């Protein structure tokens, strides 16, 4: 790519912004990175694949529109129903990249399970989001802007930065291999599939 892309991240969370920066660098994509605060309609803790995707799409669209960027990147962590797990849920980071033509690519991180005590607290309304429950469990304030719950639960072997970067790279794959993937879906098409 000849000129630097203008890339806007739909979050001011430093982990998400750094993950985007690192993913782009790893794939040799030159970009000026901006970030903006976004409030989504899915609330602080999306539950289910559709709500999590919707949150990521809202973040990406808002960032792309407000910053008039080449790409808007939305990253949303959510609890996804997962039969056979202890709690019934796995947590995944979903990343979407939306361009000026409103074409979308989607990526997902590895998933992991939160302790049932934390999941139960969210489902019962004790905690607004997983981060609150993990702060209580771990004693680490603002854990989501540091190592993340995954860092605490994996004894430091995997960080939130790692899984967030993984979701961004996953969403970049079709964009860096356009000749293989062909035409990208439009945001409106994807939103219709969700509801």
C-alpha atoms as a PDB file:
ATOM      1  CA  UNK A   1       0.000   0.000   0.000  1.00  0.00           C
ATOM      2  CA  UNK A   2       1.495   3.292  -1.097  1.00  0.00           C
ATOM      3  CA  UNK A   3       0.122   5.845   1.346  1.00  0.00           C
ATOM      4  CA  UNK A   4      -0.485   5.370   5.017  1.00  0.00           C
ATOM      5  CA  UNK A   5      -4.021   4.285   5.787  1.00  0.00           C
ATOM      6  CA  UNK A   6      -6.074   6.330   8.195  1.00  0.00           C
ATOM      7  CA  UNK A   7      -7.366   3.781  10.710  1.00  0.00           C
ATOM      8  CA  UNK A   8      -9.782   4.627  13.525  1.00  0.00           C
ATOM      9  CA  UNK A   9     -10.331   2.338  16.506  1.00  0.00           C
ATOM     10  CA  UNK A  10     -13.776   2.503  18.106  1.00  0.00           C
ATOM     11  CA  UNK A  11     -12.374   2.553  21.629  1.00  0.00           C
ATOM     12  CA  UNK A  12      -9.977   4.545  23.780  1.00  0.00           C
ATOM     13  CA  UNK A  13      -8.940   1.404  25.682  1.00  0.00           C
ATOM     14  CA  UNK A  14      -5.129   1.391  25.370  1.00  0.00           C
ATOM     15  CA  UNK A  15      -5.022  -2.409  24.976  1.00  0.00           C
ATOM     16  CA  UNK A  16      -7.334  -2.326  21.953  1.00  0.00           C
ATOM     17  CA  UNK A  17      -5.454   0.561  20.332  1.00  0.00           C
ATOM     18  CA  UNK A  18      -2.074  -1.129  20.863  1.00  0.00           C
ATOM     19  CA  UNK A  19      -3.435  -4.438  19.531  1.00  0.00           C
ATOM     20  CA  UNK A  20      -4.494  -2.710  16.305  1.00  0.00           C
ATOM     21  CA  UNK A  21      -1.110  -0.991  16.000  1.00  0.00           C
ATOM     22  CA  UNK A  22       0.787  -4.253  16.505  1.00  0.00           C
ATOM     23  CA  UNK A  23      -1.433  -6.251  14.128  1.00  0.00           C
ATOM     24  CA  UNK A  24      -0.978  -3.692  11.351  1.00  0.00           C
ATOM     25  CA  UNK A  25       2.785  -3.605  11.917  1.00  0.00           C
ATOM     26  CA  UNK A  26       3.029  -7.412  11.824  1.00  0.00           C
ATOM     27  CA  UNK A  27       1.339  -7.409   8.417  1.00  0.00           C
ATOM     28  CA  UNK A  28       3.443  -4.454   7.174  1.00  0.00           C
ATOM     29  CA  UNK A  29       0.443  -2.162   6.815  1.00  0.00           C
ATOM     30  CA  UNK A  30       1.433   1.466   7.305  1.00  0.00           C
ATOM     31  CA  UNK A  31      -1.263   3.408   9.114  1.00  0.00           C
ATOM     32  CA  UNK A  32      -2.004   6.502  11.131  1.00  0.00           C
ATOM     33  CA  UNK A  33      -4.086   5.252  14.054  1.00  0.00           C
ATOM     34  CA  UNK A  34      -6.768   7.310  15.780  1.00  0.00           C
ATOM     35  CA  UNK A  35      -9.083   6.292  18.586  1.00  0.00           C
ATOM     36  CA  UNK A  36     -12.497   7.511  19.639  1.00  0.00           C
ATOM     37  CA  UNK A  37     -14.834   6.773  22.490  1.00  0.00           C
ATOM     38  CA  UNK A  38     -17.949   4.853  21.445  1.00  0.00           C
ATOM     39  CA  UNK A  39     -21.082   3.960  23.364  1.00  0.00           C
ATOM     40  CA  UNK A  40     -22.865   0.979  21.830  1.00  0.00           C
ATOM     41  CA  UNK A  41     -26.477  -0.142  22.070  1.00  0.00           C
ATOM     42  CA  UNK A  42     -25.407  -3.544  23.447  1.00  0.00           C
ATOM     43  CA  UNK A  43     -24.321  -2.190  26.834  1.00  0.00           C
ATOM     44  CA  UNK A  44     -21.131  -2.862  28.750  1.00  0.00           C
ATOM     45  CA  UNK A  45     -21.420  -6.669  28.620  1.00  0.00           C
ATOM     46  CA  UNK A  46     -22.850  -8.196  25.454  1.00  0.00           C
ATOM     47  CA  UNK A  47     -24.111 -11.746  25.806  1.00  0.00           C
ATOM     48  CA  UNK A  48     -24.507 -13.920  22.719  1.00  0.00           C
ATOM     49  CA  UNK A  49     -22.857 -13.915  19.314  1.00  0.00           C
ATOM     50  CA  UNK A  50     -25.349 -11.518  17.724  1.00  0.00           C
ATOM     51  CA  UNK A  51     -25.050  -8.864  20.444  1.00  0.00           C
ATOM     52  CA  UNK A  52     -21.259  -9.128  20.492  1.00  0.00           C
ATOM     53  CA  UNK A  53     -21.051  -8.771  16.710  1.00  0.00           C
ATOM     54  CA  UNK A  54     -23.501  -5.879  16.806  1.00  0.00           C
ATOM     55  CA  UNK A  55     -21.319  -4.089  19.370  1.00  0.00           C
ATOM     56  CA  UNK A  56     -18.193  -4.583  17.265  1.00  0.00           C
ATOM     57  CA  UNK A  57     -20.000  -3.367  14.125  1.00  0.00           C
ATOM     58  CA  UNK A  58     -21.358  -0.279  15.896  1.00  0.00           C
ATOM     59  CA  UNK A  59     -17.846   0.541  17.131  1.00  0.00           C
ATOM     60  CA  UNK A  60     -16.295   0.080  13.693  1.00  0.00           C
ATOM     61  CA  UNK A  61     -18.982   2.074  11.855  1.00  0.00           C
ATOM     62  CA  UNK A  62     -18.877   4.930  14.346  1.00  0.00           C
ATOM     63  CA  UNK A  63     -15.080   5.134  14.232  1.00  0.00           C
ATOM     64  CA  UNK A  64     -15.010   5.050  10.428  1.00  0.00           C
ATOM     65  CA  UNK A  65     -17.731   7.711  10.097  1.00  0.00           C
ATOM     66  CA  UNK A  66     -16.658  10.126  12.834  1.00  0.00           C
ATOM     67  CA  UNK A  67     -12.965  10.027  11.963  1.00  0.00           C
ATOM     68  CA  UNK A  68     -13.587   9.834   8.196  1.00  0.00           C
ATOM     69  CA  UNK A  69     -11.024   7.047   8.144  1.00  0.00           C
ATOM     70  CA  UNK A  70     -10.134   4.486   5.497  1.00  0.00           C
ATOM     71  CA  UNK A  71     -10.918   1.769   8.017  1.00  0.00           C
ATOM     72  CA  UNK A  72     -12.959   1.760  11.206  1.00  0.00           C
ATOM     73  CA  UNK A  73     -12.055  -1.035  13.599  1.00  0.00           C
ATOM     74  CA  UNK A  74     -14.497  -2.251  16.209  1.00  0.00           C
ATOM     75  CA  UNK A  75     -13.492  -4.771  18.856  1.00  0.00           C
ATOM     76  CA  UNK A  76     -15.994  -6.239  21.299  1.00  0.00           C
ATOM     77  CA  UNK A  77     -15.563  -8.974  23.883  1.00  0.00           C
ATOM     78  CA  UNK A  78     -18.664 -10.985  24.598  1.00  0.00           C
ATOM     79  CA  UNK A  79     -19.970 -14.080  26.293  1.00  0.00           C
ATOM     80  CA  UNK A  80     -21.042 -16.630  23.704  1.00  0.00           C
ATOM     81  CA  UNK A  81     -23.276 -19.621  24.525  1.00  0.00           C
ATOM     82  CA  UNK A  82     -21.047 -22.679  24.449  1.00  0.00           C
ATOM     83  CA  UNK A  83     -22.577 -26.053  25.374  1.00  0.00           C
ATOM     84  CA  UNK A  84     -20.448 -28.377  27.462  1.00  0.00           C
ATOM     85  CA  UNK A  85     -18.535 -25.646  29.278  1.00  0.00           C
ATOM     86  CA  UNK A  86     -18.689 -25.307  33.065  1.00  0.00           C
ATOM     87  CA  UNK A  87     -20.547 -21.982  32.941  1.00  0.00           C
ATOM     88  CA  UNK A  88     -22.275 -22.456  29.581  1.00  0.00           C
ATOM     89  CA  UNK A  89     -20.311 -19.555  28.050  1.00  0.00           C
ATOM     90  CA  UNK A  90     -16.974 -18.786  26.435  1.00  0.00           C
ATOM     91  CA  UNK A  91     -15.541 -15.306  25.998  1.00  0.00           C
ATOM     92  CA  UNK A  92     -14.335 -14.238  22.547  1.00  0.00           C
ATOM     93  CA  UNK A  93     -12.982 -10.978  21.158  1.00  0.00           C
ATOM     94  CA  UNK A  94     -14.720 -10.135  17.887  1.00  0.00           C
ATOM     95  CA  UNK A  95     -13.054  -7.621  15.587  1.00  0.00           C
ATOM     96  CA  UNK A  96     -14.621  -6.010  12.543  1.00  0.00           C
ATOM     97  CA  UNK A  97     -12.925  -3.798   9.993  1.00  0.00           C
ATOM     98  CA  UNK A  98     -15.203  -1.508   8.003  1.00  0.00           C
ATOM     99  CA  UNK A  99     -13.978   0.539   5.056  1.00  0.00           C
ATOM    100  CA  UNK A 100     -15.364   3.672   3.352  1.00  0.00           C
ATOM    101  CA  UNK A 101     -17.475   1.528   1.018  1.00  0.00           C
ATOM    102  CA  UNK A 102     -19.007  -0.127   4.120  1.00  0.00           C
ATOM    103  CA  UNK A 103     -17.412  -3.485   3.312  1.00  0.00           C
ATOM    104  CA  UNK A 104     -16.706  -5.589   6.364  1.00  0.00           C
ATOM    105  CA  UNK A 105     -14.278  -8.271   7.434  1.00  0.00           C
ATOM    106  CA  UNK A 106     -14.647 -10.144  10.707  1.00  0.00           C
ATOM    107  CA  UNK A 107     -12.121 -11.809  12.982  1.00  0.00           C
ATOM    108  CA  UNK A 108     -12.325 -13.731  16.235  1.00  0.00           C
ATOM    109  CA  UNK A 109      -9.822 -14.508  18.963  1.00  0.00           C
ATOM    110  CA  UNK A 110      -9.308 -17.729  20.812  1.00  0.00           C
ATOM    111  CA  UNK A 111     -11.991 -18.279  23.409  1.00  0.00           C
ATOM    112  CA  UNK A 112     -11.765 -19.007  27.107  1.00  0.00           C
ATOM    113  CA  UNK A 113     -14.116 -19.565  30.010  1.00  0.00           C
ATOM    114  CA  UNK A 114     -14.618 -17.289  33.003  1.00  0.00           C
ATOM    115  CA  UNK A 115     -15.247 -18.727  36.483  1.00  0.00           C
ATOM    116  CA  UNK A 116     -18.920 -19.509  37.132  1.00  0.00           C
ATOM    117  CA  UNK A 117     -18.935 -17.130  40.113  1.00  0.00           C
ATOM    118  CA  UNK A 118     -18.171 -14.218  37.776  1.00  0.00           C
ATOM    119  CA  UNK A 119     -20.569 -15.343  35.013  1.00  0.00           C
ATOM    120  CA  UNK A 120     -23.332 -15.831  37.579  1.00  0.00           C
ATOM    121  CA  UNK A 121     -22.717 -12.338  38.964  1.00  0.00           C
ATOM    122  CA  UNK A 122     -23.159 -10.834  35.498  1.00  0.00           C
ATOM    123  CA  UNK A 123     -26.267 -12.885  34.680  1.00  0.00           C
ATOM    124  CA  UNK A 124     -27.874 -11.979  38.039  1.00  0.00           C
ATOM    125  CA  UNK A 125     -27.034  -8.282  37.652  1.00  0.00           C
ATOM    126  CA  UNK A 126     -24.549  -8.190  40.545  1.00  0.00           C
ATOM    127  CA  UNK A 127     -21.910  -6.955  38.071  1.00  0.00           C
ATOM    128  CA  UNK A 128     -22.565  -4.722  35.055  1.00  0.00           C
ATOM    129  CA  UNK A 129     -19.769  -6.456  33.180  1.00  0.00           C
ATOM    130  CA  UNK A 130     -17.248  -9.267  33.534  1.00  0.00           C
ATOM    131  CA  UNK A 131     -14.449  -6.818  34.357  1.00  0.00           C
ATOM    132  CA  UNK A 132     -16.166  -5.828  37.624  1.00  0.00           C
ATOM    133  CA  UNK A 133     -16.428  -9.445  38.731  1.00  0.00           C
ATOM    134  CA  UNK A 134     -12.827 -10.142  37.756  1.00  0.00           C
ATOM    135  CA  UNK A 135     -11.647  -7.076  39.688  1.00  0.00           C
ATOM    136  CA  UNK A 136     -13.333  -8.482  42.805  1.00  0.00           C
ATOM    137  CA  UNK A 137     -11.951 -11.987  42.199  1.00  0.00           C
ATOM    138  CA  UNK A 138      -8.396 -10.902  41.329  1.00  0.00           C
ATOM    139  CA  UNK A 139      -8.018  -7.741  43.391  1.00  0.00           C
ATOM    140  CA  UNK A 140      -6.681  -5.967  40.269  1.00  0.00           C
ATOM    141  CA  UNK A 141      -8.362  -2.622  39.513  1.00  0.00           C
ATOM    142  CA  UNK A 142      -9.063  -1.890  35.831  1.00  0.00           C
ATOM    143  CA  UNK A 143      -7.874  -5.374  34.908  1.00  0.00           C
ATOM    144  CA  UNK A 144      -9.344  -4.949  31.407  1.00  0.00           C
ATOM    145  CA  UNK A 145      -6.905  -2.143  30.618  1.00  0.00           C
ATOM    146  CA  UNK A 146      -3.952  -4.180  31.847  1.00  0.00           C
ATOM    147  CA  UNK A 147      -3.300  -7.923  31.513  1.00  0.00           C
ATOM    148  CA  UNK A 148      -6.996  -8.639  31.228  1.00  0.00           C
ATOM    149  CA  UNK A 149      -8.847 -11.462  32.906  1.00  0.00           C
ATOM    150  CA  UNK A 150      -7.112 -13.900  30.556  1.00  0.00           C
ATOM    151  CA  UNK A 151      -3.737 -12.748  31.902  1.00  0.00           C
ATOM    152  CA  UNK A 152      -4.842 -13.427  35.454  1.00  0.00           C
ATOM    153  CA  UNK A 153      -6.548 -16.735  34.655  1.00  0.00           C
ATOM    154  CA  UNK A 154      -3.706 -18.040  32.449  1.00  0.00           C
ATOM    155  CA  UNK A 155      -1.082 -17.154  35.085  1.00  0.00           C
ATOM    156  CA  UNK A 156       0.414 -14.571  32.731  1.00  0.00           C
ATOM    157  CA  UNK A 157       0.944 -16.873  29.745  1.00  0.00           C
ATOM    158  CA  UNK A 158      -1.651 -15.092  27.569  1.00  0.00           C
ATOM    159  CA  UNK A 159      -2.639 -11.432  27.866  1.00  0.00           C
ATOM    160  CA  UNK A 160      -5.645  -9.452  26.740  1.00  0.00           C
ATOM    161  CA  UNK A 161      -3.318  -7.754  24.274  1.00  0.00           C
ATOM    162  CA  UNK A 162      -2.485 -11.167  22.766  1.00  0.00           C
ATOM    163  CA  UNK A 163      -6.082 -12.211  22.166  1.00  0.00           C
ATOM    164  CA  UNK A 164      -7.170  -8.777  20.992  1.00  0.00           C
ATOM    165  CA  UNK A 165      -4.288  -8.624  18.503  1.00  0.00           C
ATOM    166  CA  UNK A 166      -5.243 -12.139  17.358  1.00  0.00           C
ATOM    167  CA  UNK A 167      -8.802 -11.007  16.582  1.00  0.00           C
ATOM    168  CA  UNK A 168      -7.495  -8.010  14.599  1.00  0.00           C
ATOM    169  CA  UNK A 169      -5.103 -10.165  12.556  1.00  0.00           C
ATOM    170  CA  UNK A 170      -7.962 -12.583  11.914  1.00  0.00           C
ATOM    171  CA  UNK A 171     -10.105  -9.720  10.546  1.00  0.00           C
ATOM    172  CA  UNK A 172      -7.203  -8.473   8.406  1.00  0.00           C
ATOM    173  CA  UNK A 173      -6.652 -11.824   6.658  1.00  0.00           C
ATOM    174  CA  UNK A 174      -9.279 -11.318   3.907  1.00  0.00           C
ATOM    175  CA  UNK A 175      -8.062  -7.745   3.344  1.00  0.00           C
ATOM    176  CA  UNK A 176      -4.424  -8.717   2.797  1.00  0.00           C
ATOM    177  CA  UNK A 177      -5.496 -11.592   0.531  1.00  0.00           C
ATOM    178  CA  UNK A 178      -8.172  -9.857  -1.565  1.00  0.00           C
ATOM    179  CA  UNK A 179      -7.418 -11.873  -4.698  1.00  0.00           C
ATOM    180  CA  UNK A 180      -8.185 -15.078  -2.808  1.00  0.00           C
ATOM    181  CA  UNK A 181     -11.260 -13.891  -0.919  1.00  0.00           C
ATOM    182  CA  UNK A 182     -12.970 -11.844  -3.609  1.00  0.00           C
ATOM    183  CA  UNK A 183     -15.898  -9.557  -2.859  1.00  0.00           C
ATOM    184  CA  UNK A 184     -16.398  -8.562   0.768  1.00  0.00           C
ATOM    185  CA  UNK A 185     -19.847  -8.390   2.356  1.00  0.00           C
ATOM    186  CA  UNK A 186     -21.431  -5.029   3.148  1.00  0.00           C
ATOM    187  CA  UNK A 187     -22.274  -4.027   6.719  1.00  0.00           C
ATOM    188  CA  UNK A 188     -26.012  -3.915   5.909  1.00  0.00           C
ATOM    189  CA  UNK A 189     -25.918  -7.517   4.637  1.00  0.00           C
ATOM    190  CA  UNK A 190     -24.271  -8.699   7.841  1.00  0.00           C
ATOM    191  CA  UNK A 191     -26.656  -6.754  10.082  1.00  0.00           C
ATOM    192  CA  UNK A 192     -29.643  -8.363   8.290  1.00  0.00           C
ATOM    193  CA  UNK A 193     -28.188 -11.782   9.070  1.00  0.00           C
ATOM    194  CA  UNK A 194     -27.995 -10.901  12.764  1.00  0.00           C
ATOM    195  CA  UNK A 195     -31.680  -9.947  13.155  1.00  0.00           C
END
